[in-house]
Structures are given as C-alpha cells and as structure tokens.
Amino acid sequence: MRTSGFLLTGLGLAGHVLGHGDHGSESQKPVVGENASWMEKHMAEEHHAAEFDAASFFALHDFNAGGTWEPNEILRTYGLMDESNKHVTQARRDEIVRELLGLLDANRDGSVSRDEFVNFIDVQRKTLPDIGTGPGHHGDDEYEYEIHHWEKYHDENTKLEDLTHPEDIAHFKKHEEMEDEQDRLDEMNKRSIVEENIPAKFRRG
C-alpha cells in the first residue's frame, strides 16, 4: 500500500527536518511571559529562540534573501500566507502592509531595508506590533508540522503505528493527495492530446 510507504518516508523526514535535537521535549520552546512583545512570542513559537537581535530577526524573515522586506514578506512574517489566516480580507492585508511600511520604511521606497529595521529596533527602541493575526506561522507545511506537532508529541523513536493523532493523519493524507495529483498530471502530460480538455461534443463515441 502506497500510503504506508509514504508515511514511512514522511516519518523519516519529519524527525530530521530541523535537527532541533531532543524532539520529544517541549522544553525546546522558550517560555515567554504574557507581557512579552509579539516579536519575542513569534521567535519562541516559530523559531524556538529566546535570544535574537534585530539583524538576525531581519535576515530570518528576508525569505527570498533579497536584502529587503517586500510587502509579501511582511505578510508572510505575520502569518498571512498561512491557512489559519485565510479569512483575512485583501483590504485588511493592504492595511497591514501600509501600517508596517509606515513604521519601518523610512525612505518611503515601498520596502524595508536591513538598516531601516535595525534603526527601528535598536535606535528608536521600538518593536513590531501585534496586529492580531496570531504568532505568525510562516513556514511551509513540513516546517509547521515539525515545529507545532512532531516536536510536541513524537521523537526519533516514534513508530508508524504511533502516528494516530488527527494532525498526523491529516498531514500525510495531504501528502498522498498531492502525490496522486502529481501522478495524474504526469499521466496527462504523457499524452499527445489530453482527452479531458476536449469539449464533450467533439469527443469520439
């Protein structure tokens, strides 16, 4: 059965994606107080980091390594590319970008440079605001599954039969659906003519 094989592959990958060490321990995630800033909560929740500086925070969220934060990188930092925030309207997303650029984009060129960010944090002694979109889930599906579920409930000794949590089932079901879809596309691409794309009235018999 392909599912079992794929689960085994996923099981091997899930335990090694981030290499945080003792995967079964929740102590990896730093504990932050209720009054901690959004940045501190984000770094603890998403990156398991208690100590960081402005430059490292900036580099970590410069997702395309372009040297600036573009609007889509600001949205991603705040988790607005994540499924949990799919309800956020485009108007609100635009408003969030304007708000953040208003705080960070000193030269008003439509993006945030490393120097602008470091100045905002270290010189002006300010912090990124909490805009009410959660801790900022911004990794891909593998990262999110690893850091928010695998590390909490599993470790390198987890067996296939132990993957019974709803999160495990949903995660690997999604993988299988993606694999099925890729197989379908591969098969369609092998054909010189894709029958499904021909209007019904022109198909044979």
N, C-alpha and C. Protein backbone atom coordinates (compact mmCIF):
# COMPACT_ATOMS: atom_id res chain seq x y z
N MET A 1 0.84 -1.20 0.00
CA MET A 1 0.00 0.00 0.00
C MET A 1 0.88 1.25 0.00
N ARG A 2 0.61 2.15 -0.92
CA ARG A 2 1.50 3.30 -1.07
C ARG A 2 1.47 4.21 0.14
N THR A 3 0.31 4.31 0.81
CA THR A 3 0.22 5.20 1.97
C THR A 3 1.25 4.84 3.01
N SER A 4 1.36 3.54 3.31
CA SER A 4 2.32 3.12 4.33
C SER A 4 3.74 3.47 3.94
N GLY A 5 4.06 3.27 2.67
CA GLY A 5 5.39 3.61 2.21
C GLY A 5 5.66 5.08 2.31
N PHE A 6 4.63 5.85 1.96
CA PHE A 6 4.81 7.31 2.02
C PHE A 6 4.90 7.79 3.45
N LEU A 7 4.12 7.14 4.34
CA LEU A 7 4.20 7.50 5.75
C LEU A 7 5.56 7.20 6.32
N LEU A 8 6.13 6.08 5.91
CA LEU A 8 7.46 5.74 6.38
C LEU A 8 8.47 6.77 5.92
N THR A 9 8.33 7.20 4.67
CA THR A 9 9.23 8.24 4.16
C THR A 9 9.05 9.51 4.95
N GLY A 10 7.78 9.89 5.17
CA GLY A 10 7.49 11.10 5.94
C GLY A 10 7.99 11.00 7.36
N LEU A 11 7.85 9.79 7.94
CA LEU A 11 8.32 9.58 9.30
C LEU A 11 9.81 9.80 9.39
N GLY A 12 10.54 9.32 8.41
CA GLY A 12 11.99 9.53 8.41
C GLY A 12 12.34 10.98 8.26
N LEU A 13 11.60 11.68 7.41
CA LEU A 13 11.89 13.09 7.17
C LEU A 13 11.51 13.95 8.35
N ALA A 14 10.33 13.67 8.92
CA ALA A 14 9.81 14.56 9.95
C ALA A 14 10.73 14.66 11.15
N GLY A 15 11.44 13.58 11.45
CA GLY A 15 12.31 13.61 12.61
C GLY A 15 13.62 14.31 12.37
N HIS A 16 13.89 14.73 11.12
CA HIS A 16 15.21 15.28 10.82
C HIS A 16 15.18 16.61 10.10
N VAL A 17 13.99 17.14 9.82
CA VAL A 17 13.91 18.35 9.02
C VAL A 17 14.66 19.51 9.64
N LEU A 18 14.44 19.73 10.93
CA LEU A 18 15.03 20.90 11.56
C LEU A 18 16.22 20.59 12.44
N GLY A 19 16.35 19.36 12.84
CA GLY A 19 17.51 18.98 13.65
C GLY A 19 17.58 19.73 14.95
N HIS A 20 16.45 19.82 15.68
CA HIS A 20 16.47 20.55 16.95
C HIS A 20 16.97 19.70 18.11
N GLY A 21 17.29 18.44 17.87
CA GLY A 21 17.85 17.64 18.95
C GLY A 21 16.80 16.75 19.57
N ASP A 22 16.49 16.95 20.86
CA ASP A 22 15.58 16.09 21.59
C ASP A 22 14.15 16.39 21.17
N HIS A 23 13.67 15.70 20.16
CA HIS A 23 12.40 16.03 19.53
C HIS A 23 11.21 15.81 20.44
N GLY A 24 11.33 14.98 21.42
CA GLY A 24 10.18 14.72 22.26
C GLY A 24 9.96 15.75 23.34
N SER A 25 10.85 16.67 23.52
CA SER A 25 10.79 17.59 24.64
C SER A 25 10.18 18.92 24.27
N GLU A 26 9.20 19.36 25.07
CA GLU A 26 8.60 20.66 24.85
C GLU A 26 9.48 21.78 25.39
N SER A 27 10.55 21.40 26.12
CA SER A 27 11.41 22.41 26.71
C SER A 27 12.18 23.18 25.65
N GLN A 28 12.15 22.68 24.40
CA GLN A 28 12.86 23.38 23.34
C GLN A 28 12.25 24.75 23.09
N LYS A 29 10.94 24.86 23.27
CA LYS A 29 10.29 26.14 23.01
C LYS A 29 10.41 27.02 24.24
N PRO A 30 11.08 28.14 24.13
CA PRO A 30 11.26 29.01 25.29
C PRO A 30 9.91 29.48 25.84
N VAL A 31 9.84 29.62 27.13
CA VAL A 31 8.63 30.12 27.77
C VAL A 31 8.72 31.64 27.83
N VAL A 32 7.72 32.31 27.32
CA VAL A 32 7.69 33.77 27.37
C VAL A 32 6.48 34.22 28.17
N GLY A 33 6.61 35.34 28.85
CA GLY A 33 5.53 35.84 29.67
C GLY A 33 4.41 36.46 28.85
N GLU A 34 3.29 36.67 29.50
CA GLU A 34 2.14 37.26 28.83
C GLU A 34 2.45 38.65 28.30
N ASN A 35 3.34 39.34 28.96
CA ASN A 35 3.67 40.72 28.57
C ASN A 35 4.81 40.79 27.55
N ALA A 36 5.27 39.65 27.08
CA ALA A 36 6.34 39.65 26.07
C ALA A 36 5.83 40.31 24.80
N SER A 37 6.74 40.88 24.04
CA SER A 37 6.37 41.52 22.77
C SER A 37 5.97 40.46 21.75
N TRP A 38 5.30 40.91 20.69
CA TRP A 38 4.92 39.98 19.63
C TRP A 38 6.17 39.34 19.02
N MET A 39 7.24 40.10 18.86
CA MET A 39 8.47 39.55 18.30
C MET A 39 9.02 38.42 19.17
N GLU A 40 9.00 38.62 20.47
CA GLU A 40 9.51 37.60 21.39
C GLU A 40 8.64 36.35 21.33
N LYS A 41 7.32 36.55 21.29
CA LYS A 41 6.42 35.40 21.19
C LYS A 41 6.59 34.67 19.87
N HIS A 42 6.76 35.44 18.81
CA HIS A 42 6.95 34.85 17.49
C HIS A 42 8.22 34.01 17.44
N MET A 43 9.31 34.57 17.95
CA MET A 43 10.58 33.85 17.90
C MET A 43 10.55 32.59 18.76
N ALA A 44 9.85 32.65 19.89
CA ALA A 44 9.72 31.47 20.74
C ALA A 44 8.85 30.42 20.08
N GLU A 45 7.72 30.84 19.53
CA GLU A 45 6.74 29.91 18.96
C GLU A 45 7.20 29.34 17.63
N GLU A 46 7.68 30.19 16.76
CA GLU A 46 8.02 29.76 15.40
C GLU A 46 9.45 29.27 15.24
N HIS A 47 10.36 29.82 16.02
CA HIS A 47 11.78 29.51 15.80
C HIS A 47 12.46 28.91 17.03
N HIS A 48 11.72 28.76 18.13
CA HIS A 48 12.27 28.19 19.36
C HIS A 48 13.53 28.93 19.79
N ALA A 49 13.48 30.24 19.65
CA ALA A 49 14.64 31.06 20.00
C ALA A 49 14.27 32.05 21.10
N ALA A 50 15.07 32.06 22.15
CA ALA A 50 14.84 33.00 23.24
C ALA A 50 15.69 34.25 23.07
N GLU A 51 16.83 34.11 22.43
CA GLU A 51 17.75 35.23 22.24
C GLU A 51 17.89 35.54 20.75
N PHE A 52 17.78 36.80 20.39
CA PHE A 52 17.95 37.21 19.00
C PHE A 52 18.19 38.70 18.98
N ASP A 53 18.70 39.20 17.87
CA ASP A 53 18.87 40.64 17.72
C ASP A 53 18.15 41.09 16.46
N ALA A 54 18.13 42.40 16.24
CA ALA A 54 17.38 42.95 15.12
C ALA A 54 17.88 42.42 13.78
N ALA A 55 19.19 42.36 13.63
CA ALA A 55 19.77 41.91 12.36
C ALA A 55 19.41 40.47 12.06
N SER A 56 19.46 39.61 13.07
CA SER A 56 19.14 38.20 12.85
C SER A 56 17.64 38.03 12.58
N PHE A 57 16.80 38.79 13.26
CA PHE A 57 15.36 38.73 13.01
C PHE A 57 15.08 39.13 11.57
N PHE A 58 15.75 40.20 11.12
CA PHE A 58 15.54 40.66 9.75
C PHE A 58 15.96 39.59 8.75
N ALA A 59 17.16 39.04 8.92
CA ALA A 59 17.68 38.05 7.98
C ALA A 59 16.80 36.81 7.93
N LEU A 60 16.28 36.41 9.08
CA LEU A 60 15.45 35.23 9.17
C LEU A 60 14.15 35.38 8.40
N HIS A 61 13.71 36.63 8.27
CA HIS A 61 12.43 36.89 7.60
C HIS A 61 12.59 37.56 6.24
N ASP A 62 13.82 37.61 5.76
CA ASP A 62 14.08 38.03 4.39
C ASP A 62 14.02 36.76 3.55
N PHE A 63 12.81 36.31 3.28
CA PHE A 63 12.59 34.97 2.77
C PHE A 63 13.25 34.70 1.42
N ASN A 64 13.36 35.71 0.59
CA ASN A 64 14.00 35.49 -0.72
C ASN A 64 15.45 35.95 -0.74
N ALA A 65 15.98 36.30 0.45
CA ALA A 65 17.38 36.73 0.59
C ALA A 65 17.69 37.90 -0.34
N GLY A 66 16.72 38.78 -0.54
CA GLY A 66 16.91 39.91 -1.44
C GLY A 66 17.48 41.14 -0.78
N GLY A 67 17.65 41.12 0.53
CA GLY A 67 18.23 42.25 1.24
C GLY A 67 17.21 43.28 1.70
N THR A 68 15.96 43.09 1.33
CA THR A 68 14.89 43.98 1.79
C THR A 68 13.67 43.14 2.11
N TRP A 69 12.79 43.72 2.92
CA TRP A 69 11.48 43.11 3.13
C TRP A 69 10.51 43.75 2.16
N GLU A 70 9.98 42.96 1.26
CA GLU A 70 8.94 43.42 0.36
C GLU A 70 7.58 43.19 1.04
N PRO A 71 6.52 43.80 0.52
CA PRO A 71 5.20 43.65 1.16
C PRO A 71 4.79 42.20 1.40
N ASN A 72 5.06 41.30 0.43
CA ASN A 72 4.65 39.91 0.62
C ASN A 72 5.45 39.24 1.73
N GLU A 73 6.68 39.70 1.96
CA GLU A 73 7.48 39.13 3.06
C GLU A 73 6.98 39.63 4.41
N ILE A 74 6.48 40.85 4.45
CA ILE A 74 5.86 41.36 5.68
C ILE A 74 4.62 40.53 6.00
N LEU A 75 3.80 40.28 4.99
CA LEU A 75 2.59 39.48 5.19
C LEU A 75 2.95 38.07 5.65
N ARG A 76 3.97 37.50 5.05
CA ARG A 76 4.37 36.14 5.43
C ARG A 76 4.91 36.10 6.85
N THR A 77 5.67 37.12 7.24
CA THR A 77 6.20 37.17 8.60
C THR A 77 5.08 37.15 9.62
N TYR A 78 3.99 37.81 9.29
CA TYR A 78 2.83 37.86 10.21
C TYR A 78 1.86 36.70 10.00
N GLY A 79 2.26 35.72 9.22
CA GLY A 79 1.43 34.53 9.07
C GLY A 79 0.27 34.67 8.12
N LEU A 80 0.29 35.69 7.28
CA LEU A 80 -0.85 35.92 6.42
C LEU A 80 -0.83 35.09 5.14
N MET A 81 0.18 34.25 4.97
CA MET A 81 0.19 33.27 3.88
C MET A 81 -0.24 31.90 4.41
N ASP A 82 -0.51 31.84 5.71
CA ASP A 82 -0.84 30.58 6.35
C ASP A 82 -2.35 30.33 6.29
N GLU A 83 -2.71 29.06 6.27
CA GLU A 83 -4.12 28.66 6.20
C GLU A 83 -4.94 29.25 7.35
N SER A 84 -4.30 29.43 8.50
CA SER A 84 -5.02 29.94 9.68
C SER A 84 -5.52 31.36 9.49
N ASN A 85 -4.96 32.08 8.51
CA ASN A 85 -5.38 33.47 8.28
C ASN A 85 -6.02 33.67 6.91
N LYS A 86 -6.55 32.59 6.35
CA LYS A 86 -7.16 32.71 5.02
C LYS A 86 -8.40 33.59 5.04
N HIS A 87 -8.98 33.80 6.23
CA HIS A 87 -10.18 34.63 6.36
C HIS A 87 -9.88 36.12 6.29
N VAL A 88 -8.62 36.50 6.42
CA VAL A 88 -8.25 37.92 6.43
C VAL A 88 -8.45 38.50 5.03
N THR A 89 -9.23 39.55 4.93
CA THR A 89 -9.56 40.11 3.63
C THR A 89 -8.36 40.80 2.98
N GLN A 90 -8.44 40.98 1.68
CA GLN A 90 -7.38 41.68 0.96
C GLN A 90 -7.27 43.12 1.45
N ALA A 91 -8.41 43.72 1.76
CA ALA A 91 -8.39 45.10 2.26
C ALA A 91 -7.60 45.19 3.57
N ARG A 92 -7.80 44.21 4.45
CA ARG A 92 -7.07 44.20 5.72
C ARG A 92 -5.59 43.91 5.48
N ARG A 93 -5.28 43.05 4.55
CA ARG A 93 -3.88 42.77 4.22
C ARG A 93 -3.19 44.04 3.71
N ASP A 94 -3.87 44.76 2.84
CA ASP A 94 -3.32 46.01 2.32
C ASP A 94 -3.10 47.02 3.45
N GLU A 95 -4.06 47.04 4.38
CA GLU A 95 -3.96 47.95 5.52
C GLU A 95 -2.76 47.60 6.40
N ILE A 96 -2.54 46.31 6.60
CA ILE A 96 -1.42 45.85 7.42
C ILE A 96 -0.10 46.25 6.77
N VAL A 97 0.01 46.04 5.47
CA VAL A 97 1.24 46.43 4.76
C VAL A 97 1.49 47.93 4.91
N ARG A 98 0.44 48.74 4.72
CA ARG A 98 0.60 50.19 4.87
C ARG A 98 1.04 50.56 6.29
N GLU A 99 0.44 49.91 7.27
CA GLU A 99 0.79 50.19 8.68
C GLU A 99 2.25 49.86 8.97
N LEU A 100 2.69 48.70 8.51
CA LEU A 100 4.07 48.28 8.78
C LEU A 100 5.07 49.11 8.00
N LEU A 101 4.77 49.41 6.74
CA LEU A 101 5.67 50.26 5.97
C LEU A 101 5.72 51.66 6.58
N GLY A 102 4.59 52.12 7.10
CA GLY A 102 4.58 53.43 7.76
C GLY A 102 5.51 53.49 8.95
N LEU A 103 5.66 52.36 9.63
CA LEU A 103 6.55 52.30 10.79
C LEU A 103 8.01 52.11 10.39
N LEU A 104 8.25 51.28 9.38
CA LEU A 104 9.60 50.80 9.09
C LEU A 104 10.28 51.43 7.89
N ASP A 105 9.51 51.81 6.90
CA ASP A 105 10.08 52.27 5.63
C ASP A 105 10.42 53.76 5.70
N ALA A 106 11.59 54.06 6.25
CA ALA A 106 11.97 55.46 6.50
C ALA A 106 12.10 56.27 5.22
N ASN A 107 12.60 55.68 4.15
CA ASN A 107 12.82 56.45 2.92
C ASN A 107 11.64 56.34 1.95
N ARG A 108 10.59 55.65 2.37
CA ARG A 108 9.33 55.57 1.61
C ARG A 108 9.54 55.02 0.18
N ASP A 109 10.35 53.96 0.08
CA ASP A 109 10.55 53.36 -1.25
C ASP A 109 9.72 52.09 -1.44
N GLY A 110 8.86 51.79 -0.48
CA GLY A 110 7.97 50.64 -0.62
C GLY A 110 8.50 49.32 -0.12
N SER A 111 9.68 49.34 0.50
CA SER A 111 10.25 48.13 1.08
C SER A 111 11.04 48.52 2.33
N VAL A 112 11.49 47.52 3.08
CA VAL A 112 12.21 47.77 4.33
C VAL A 112 13.61 47.20 4.22
N SER A 113 14.61 48.04 4.34
CA SER A 113 15.99 47.56 4.30
C SER A 113 16.42 47.07 5.68
N ARG A 114 17.52 46.35 5.70
CA ARG A 114 18.07 45.88 6.97
C ARG A 114 18.39 47.07 7.88
N ASP A 115 19.00 48.11 7.32
CA ASP A 115 19.35 49.27 8.14
C ASP A 115 18.12 49.96 8.72
N GLU A 116 17.07 50.05 7.93
CA GLU A 116 15.84 50.66 8.42
C GLU A 116 15.26 49.85 9.58
N PHE A 117 15.29 48.53 9.44
CA PHE A 117 14.74 47.68 10.50
C PHE A 117 15.58 47.77 11.77
N VAL A 118 16.89 47.69 11.61
CA VAL A 118 17.78 47.76 12.77
C VAL A 118 17.63 49.12 13.46
N ASN A 119 17.50 50.18 12.68
CA ASN A 119 17.30 51.50 13.26
C ASN A 119 16.01 51.56 14.07
N PHE A 120 14.95 50.97 13.53
CA PHE A 120 13.65 50.96 14.21
C PHE A 120 13.74 50.23 15.54
N ILE A 121 14.43 49.09 15.56
CA ILE A 121 14.51 48.28 16.77
C ILE A 121 15.56 48.80 17.75
N ASP A 122 16.78 49.03 17.26
CA ASP A 122 17.90 49.33 18.16
C ASP A 122 18.06 50.81 18.49
N VAL A 123 17.76 51.69 17.54
CA VAL A 123 17.93 53.12 17.79
C VAL A 123 16.66 53.74 18.34
N GLN A 124 15.54 53.47 17.67
CA GLN A 124 14.27 54.03 18.15
C GLN A 124 13.70 53.24 19.33
N ARG A 125 14.27 52.08 19.58
CA ARG A 125 13.87 51.23 20.71
C ARG A 125 12.40 50.85 20.62
N LYS A 126 11.98 50.49 19.42
CA LYS A 126 10.59 50.08 19.20
C LYS A 126 10.54 48.59 18.88
N THR A 127 9.34 48.07 18.69
CA THR A 127 9.17 46.66 18.38
C THR A 127 8.02 46.50 17.41
N LEU A 128 8.00 45.40 16.69
CA LEU A 128 6.91 45.16 15.75
C LEU A 128 5.61 44.99 16.52
N PRO A 129 4.53 45.57 16.02
CA PRO A 129 3.25 45.49 16.74
C PRO A 129 2.58 44.14 16.56
N ASP A 130 1.71 43.81 17.49
CA ASP A 130 0.85 42.64 17.36
C ASP A 130 -0.39 43.10 16.60
N ILE A 131 -0.58 42.57 15.42
CA ILE A 131 -1.70 43.03 14.59
C ILE A 131 -2.89 42.08 14.64
N GLY A 132 -2.83 41.13 15.57
CA GLY A 132 -3.99 40.26 15.80
C GLY A 132 -4.13 39.10 14.83
N THR A 133 -3.04 38.68 14.21
CA THR A 133 -3.12 37.56 13.27
C THR A 133 -2.39 36.33 13.80
N GLY A 134 -2.21 36.26 15.11
CA GLY A 134 -1.56 35.10 15.71
C GLY A 134 -0.05 35.25 15.78
N PRO A 135 0.64 34.15 16.10
CA PRO A 135 2.09 34.20 16.30
C PRO A 135 2.90 34.30 15.03
N GLY A 136 2.24 34.20 13.87
CA GLY A 136 2.99 34.35 12.61
C GLY A 136 3.49 33.06 12.04
N HIS A 137 2.60 32.10 11.81
CA HIS A 137 3.01 30.85 11.18
C HIS A 137 3.43 31.14 9.75
N HIS A 138 4.70 30.98 9.44
CA HIS A 138 5.12 31.34 8.09
C HIS A 138 5.99 30.29 7.41
N GLY A 139 6.12 29.11 8.02
CA GLY A 139 6.89 28.08 7.35
C GLY A 139 6.05 27.33 6.33
N ASP A 140 6.69 26.41 5.59
CA ASP A 140 5.91 25.57 4.70
C ASP A 140 5.24 24.48 5.54
N ASP A 141 4.47 23.61 4.89
CA ASP A 141 3.71 22.61 5.62
C ASP A 141 4.60 21.69 6.44
N GLU A 142 5.76 21.30 5.89
CA GLU A 142 6.66 20.42 6.62
C GLU A 142 7.17 21.09 7.89
N TYR A 143 7.56 22.35 7.74
CA TYR A 143 8.08 23.09 8.90
C TYR A 143 7.01 23.22 9.97
N GLU A 144 5.79 23.59 9.56
CA GLU A 144 4.72 23.80 10.54
C GLU A 144 4.38 22.50 11.25
N TYR A 145 4.33 21.40 10.51
CA TYR A 145 4.03 20.10 11.13
C TYR A 145 5.13 19.71 12.11
N GLU A 146 6.37 19.94 11.69
CA GLU A 146 7.52 19.61 12.54
C GLU A 146 7.51 20.39 13.84
N ILE A 147 7.38 21.69 13.72
CA ILE A 147 7.60 22.52 14.90
C ILE A 147 6.38 22.62 15.81
N HIS A 148 5.17 22.46 15.23
CA HIS A 148 3.97 22.61 16.05
C HIS A 148 3.31 21.29 16.44
N HIS A 149 3.73 20.20 15.85
CA HIS A 149 3.14 18.92 16.24
C HIS A 149 4.19 17.85 16.53
N TRP A 150 5.06 17.57 15.55
CA TRP A 150 6.02 16.49 15.73
C TRP A 150 6.85 16.65 17.00
N GLU A 151 7.41 17.82 17.20
CA GLU A 151 8.29 18.02 18.35
C GLU A 151 7.53 17.93 19.67
N LYS A 152 6.24 18.17 19.63
CA LYS A 152 5.44 18.15 20.86
C LYS A 152 5.04 16.74 21.26
N TYR A 153 4.76 15.89 20.25
CA TYR A 153 4.19 14.58 20.55
C TYR A 153 5.05 13.39 20.14
N HIS A 154 6.05 13.60 19.29
CA HIS A 154 6.83 12.49 18.78
C HIS A 154 8.33 12.72 18.97
N ASP A 155 9.10 11.70 18.65
CA ASP A 155 10.55 11.83 18.64
C ASP A 155 11.12 10.82 17.66
N GLU A 156 12.45 10.66 17.65
CA GLU A 156 13.07 9.79 16.65
C GLU A 156 12.73 8.32 16.86
N ASN A 157 12.14 8.00 18.01
CA ASN A 157 11.77 6.61 18.27
C ASN A 157 10.31 6.30 17.91
N THR A 158 9.60 7.28 17.40
CA THR A 158 8.20 7.09 17.03
C THR A 158 8.08 6.05 15.91
N LYS A 159 7.12 5.15 16.07
CA LYS A 159 6.87 4.12 15.07
C LYS A 159 5.67 4.51 14.20
N LEU A 160 5.58 3.89 13.05
CA LEU A 160 4.49 4.18 12.12
C LEU A 160 3.14 4.05 12.79
N GLU A 161 2.97 3.00 13.59
CA GLU A 161 1.68 2.77 14.22
C GLU A 161 1.35 3.80 15.30
N ASP A 162 2.33 4.61 15.68
CA ASP A 162 2.09 5.65 16.69
C ASP A 162 1.53 6.93 16.07
N LEU A 163 1.56 7.02 14.76
CA LEU A 163 1.10 8.25 14.09
C LEU A 163 -0.42 8.23 13.92
N THR A 164 -1.10 8.37 15.05
CA THR A 164 -2.56 8.25 15.06
C THR A 164 -3.27 9.55 15.40
N HIS A 165 -2.53 10.60 15.69
CA HIS A 165 -3.17 11.88 16.00
C HIS A 165 -3.86 12.43 14.76
N PRO A 166 -4.93 13.18 14.94
CA PRO A 166 -5.60 13.79 13.77
C PRO A 166 -4.63 14.61 12.91
N GLU A 167 -3.66 15.28 13.56
CA GLU A 167 -2.69 16.09 12.82
C GLU A 167 -1.80 15.21 11.94
N ASP A 168 -1.43 14.01 12.47
CA ASP A 168 -0.61 13.09 11.69
C ASP A 168 -1.38 12.60 10.47
N ILE A 169 -2.61 12.18 10.71
CA ILE A 169 -3.43 11.63 9.63
C ILE A 169 -3.67 12.68 8.55
N ALA A 170 -4.02 13.90 8.98
CA ALA A 170 -4.29 14.98 8.01
C ALA A 170 -3.04 15.35 7.23
N HIS A 171 -1.89 15.38 7.93
CA HIS A 171 -0.64 15.77 7.29
C HIS A 171 -0.27 14.80 6.17
N PHE A 172 -0.29 13.50 6.48
CA PHE A 172 0.14 12.53 5.50
C PHE A 172 -0.94 12.26 4.45
N LYS A 173 -2.20 12.47 4.81
CA LYS A 173 -3.26 12.38 3.80
C LYS A 173 -3.07 13.46 2.74
N LYS A 174 -2.69 14.65 3.19
CA LYS A 174 -2.45 15.73 2.24
C LYS A 174 -1.30 15.38 1.31
N HIS A 175 -0.25 14.76 1.88
CA HIS A 175 0.87 14.34 1.05
C HIS A 175 0.42 13.33 0.00
N GLU A 176 -0.41 12.38 0.41
CA GLU A 176 -0.86 11.36 -0.54
C GLU A 176 -1.72 11.99 -1.63
N GLU A 177 -2.58 12.94 -1.25
CA GLU A 177 -3.40 13.63 -2.24
C GLU A 177 -2.54 14.39 -3.24
N MET A 178 -1.47 15.02 -2.73
CA MET A 178 -0.55 15.73 -3.61
C MET A 178 0.15 14.77 -4.56
N GLU A 179 0.52 13.60 -4.03
CA GLU A 179 1.20 12.61 -4.86
C GLU A 179 0.25 12.08 -5.93
N ASP A 180 -1.00 11.82 -5.55
CA ASP A 180 -2.00 11.36 -6.51
C ASP A 180 -2.20 12.38 -7.62
N GLU A 181 -2.26 13.65 -7.23
CA GLU A 181 -2.46 14.71 -8.22
C GLU A 181 -1.26 14.81 -9.14
N GLN A 182 -0.06 14.67 -8.59
CA GLN A 182 1.14 14.72 -9.43
C GLN A 182 1.16 13.54 -10.41
N ASP A 183 0.74 12.35 -9.93
CA ASP A 183 0.67 11.19 -10.82
C ASP A 183 -0.31 11.46 -11.96
N ARG A 184 -1.45 12.07 -11.62
CA ARG A 184 -2.46 12.37 -12.63
C ARG A 184 -1.91 13.34 -13.68
N LEU A 185 -1.23 14.37 -13.18
CA LEU A 185 -0.65 15.34 -14.11
C LEU A 185 0.43 14.73 -14.98
N ASP A 186 1.25 13.88 -14.38
CA ASP A 186 2.30 13.22 -15.14
C ASP A 186 1.70 12.36 -16.25
N GLU A 187 0.62 11.64 -15.93
CA GLU A 187 -0.03 10.79 -16.91
C GLU A 187 -0.63 11.62 -18.03
N MET A 188 -1.26 12.74 -17.66
CA MET A 188 -1.84 13.61 -18.68
C MET A 188 -0.76 14.19 -19.59
N ASN A 189 0.37 14.53 -19.02
CA ASN A 189 1.45 15.14 -19.80
C ASN A 189 2.09 14.16 -20.78
N LYS A 190 1.89 12.86 -20.54
CA LYS A 190 2.44 11.85 -21.44
C LYS A 190 1.63 11.74 -22.72
N ARG A 191 0.38 12.18 -22.67
CA ARG A 191 -0.50 12.06 -23.83
C ARG A 191 -0.25 13.21 -24.80
N SER A 192 -0.34 12.91 -26.06
CA SER A 192 -0.19 13.98 -27.06
C SER A 192 -1.41 14.88 -27.07
N ILE A 193 -2.59 14.28 -26.80
CA ILE A 193 -3.83 15.04 -26.69
C ILE A 193 -4.47 14.68 -25.37
N VAL A 194 -4.84 15.65 -24.60
CA VAL A 194 -5.48 15.41 -23.30
C VAL A 194 -6.99 15.36 -23.53
N GLU A 195 -7.55 14.17 -23.46
CA GLU A 195 -8.95 13.97 -23.77
C GLU A 195 -9.87 14.82 -22.90
N GLU A 196 -9.51 14.95 -21.62
CA GLU A 196 -10.36 15.70 -20.70
C GLU A 196 -10.52 17.16 -21.10
N ASN A 197 -9.57 17.67 -21.90
CA ASN A 197 -9.62 19.08 -22.30
C ASN A 197 -10.40 19.30 -23.60
N ILE A 198 -10.86 18.20 -24.22
CA ILE A 198 -11.63 18.32 -25.45
C ILE A 198 -13.11 18.47 -25.10
N PRO A 199 -13.79 19.48 -25.60
CA PRO A 199 -15.23 19.62 -25.33
C PRO A 199 -15.96 18.32 -25.63
N ALA A 200 -16.93 17.97 -24.81
CA ALA A 200 -17.62 16.68 -24.92
C ALA A 200 -18.20 16.44 -26.29
N LYS A 201 -18.71 17.49 -26.94
CA LYS A 201 -19.38 17.28 -28.23
C LYS A 201 -18.41 16.88 -29.35
N PHE A 202 -17.12 17.07 -29.10
CA PHE A 202 -16.13 16.72 -30.11
C PHE A 202 -15.43 15.38 -29.81
N ARG A 203 -15.77 14.78 -28.67
CA ARG A 203 -15.13 13.51 -28.34
C ARG A 203 -15.75 12.35 -29.12
N ARG A 204 -14.96 11.32 -29.33
CA ARG A 204 -15.47 10.14 -30.03
C ARG A 204 -16.41 9.36 -29.13
N GLY A 205 -17.51 8.91 -29.78
CA GLY A 205 -18.45 7.98 -29.13
C GLY A 205 -18.56 8.19 -27.67
